[in-house]
Amino acid sequence: MKATKTVELRGRDTADLKRQIAENESRLVALNFQKVTGHLDNNAQITTLRRDIARINTILHERASAN
């Protein structure tokens, strides 16, 4: 799984970013479940998803404070 670049995220609109957060959070829940059950092969996927969510939230907060 490849991390999403900040430059790519800044080019998207707010609704798309919120949708991306929802998708990432649902994938994160699934990965955490796989981790608990012992079926997760790559633990770094969890870290990558958490950081992607944080990047998107940062961009959304920047946009909110700019207005």
Protein backbone atom coordinates (compact mmCIF):
# COMPACT_ATOMS: atom_id res chain seq x y z
CA MET A 1 0.00 0.00 0.00
CA LYS A 2 1.39 3.33 -1.05
CA ALA A 3 0.94 6.53 0.95
CA THR A 4 -1.07 9.30 -0.66
CA LYS A 5 0.99 12.38 -1.50
CA THR A 6 -0.03 15.66 0.08
CA VAL A 7 0.16 17.44 -3.29
CA GLU A 8 -2.39 15.00 -4.72
CA LEU A 9 -4.69 15.52 -1.75
CA ARG A 10 -4.61 19.31 -2.00
CA GLY A 11 -5.91 19.08 -5.56
CA ARG A 12 -9.09 17.30 -4.48
CA ASP A 13 -12.27 18.98 -3.31
CA THR A 14 -13.53 18.83 0.27
CA ALA A 15 -16.31 16.32 -0.37
CA ASP A 16 -13.86 13.92 -2.01
CA LEU A 17 -11.47 14.23 0.94
CA LYS A 18 -14.26 13.48 3.42
CA ARG A 19 -15.24 10.42 1.37
CA GLN A 20 -11.60 9.31 1.34
CA ILE A 21 -11.43 9.60 5.14
CA ALA A 22 -14.52 7.42 5.49
CA GLU A 23 -13.05 4.78 3.17
CA ASN A 24 -9.70 4.81 4.95
CA GLU A 25 -11.31 4.52 8.37
CA SER A 26 -13.35 1.50 7.28
CA ARG A 27 -10.23 -0.13 5.82
CA LEU A 28 -8.39 0.65 9.06
CA VAL A 29 -11.06 -1.14 11.09
CA ALA A 30 -10.76 -4.16 8.78
CA LEU A 31 -6.97 -4.18 9.08
CA ASN A 32 -7.13 -3.92 12.87
CA PHE A 33 -9.53 -6.86 12.90
CA GLN A 34 -7.13 -8.85 10.72
CA LYS A 35 -4.29 -7.96 13.08
CA VAL A 36 -6.20 -9.22 16.10
CA THR A 37 -7.13 -12.47 14.37
CA GLY A 38 -3.57 -12.99 13.16
CA HIS A 39 -4.29 -12.74 9.43
CA LEU A 40 -2.53 -9.45 8.74
CA ASP A 41 0.64 -9.91 6.70
CA ASN A 42 1.95 -6.34 6.70
CA ASN A 43 1.56 -4.27 9.87
CA ALA A 44 2.90 -1.19 8.09
CA GLN A 45 -0.43 -0.87 6.26
CA ILE A 46 -2.06 0.27 9.50
CA THR A 47 0.53 3.00 10.01
CA THR A 48 0.24 4.14 6.40
CA LEU A 49 -3.56 4.42 6.64
CA ARG A 50 -3.41 6.30 9.95
CA ARG A 51 -0.96 8.80 8.46
CA ASP A 52 -3.08 9.24 5.32
CA ILE A 53 -6.10 10.01 7.50
CA ALA A 54 -4.03 12.52 9.48
CA ARG A 55 -2.82 14.20 6.26
CA ILE A 56 -6.38 14.56 4.98
CA ASN A 57 -7.60 15.93 8.33
CA THR A 58 -4.76 18.45 8.33
CA ILE A 59 -5.71 19.69 4.87
CA LEU A 60 -9.38 19.96 5.87
CA HIS A 61 -8.45 21.95 9.00
CA GLU A 62 -6.26 24.25 6.95
CA ARG A 63 -9.13 24.90 4.55
CA ALA A 64 -11.54 25.54 7.42
CA SER A 65 -9.22 28.01 9.10
CA ALA A 66 -8.51 29.83 5.82
CA ASN A 67 -12.20 30.73 5.45
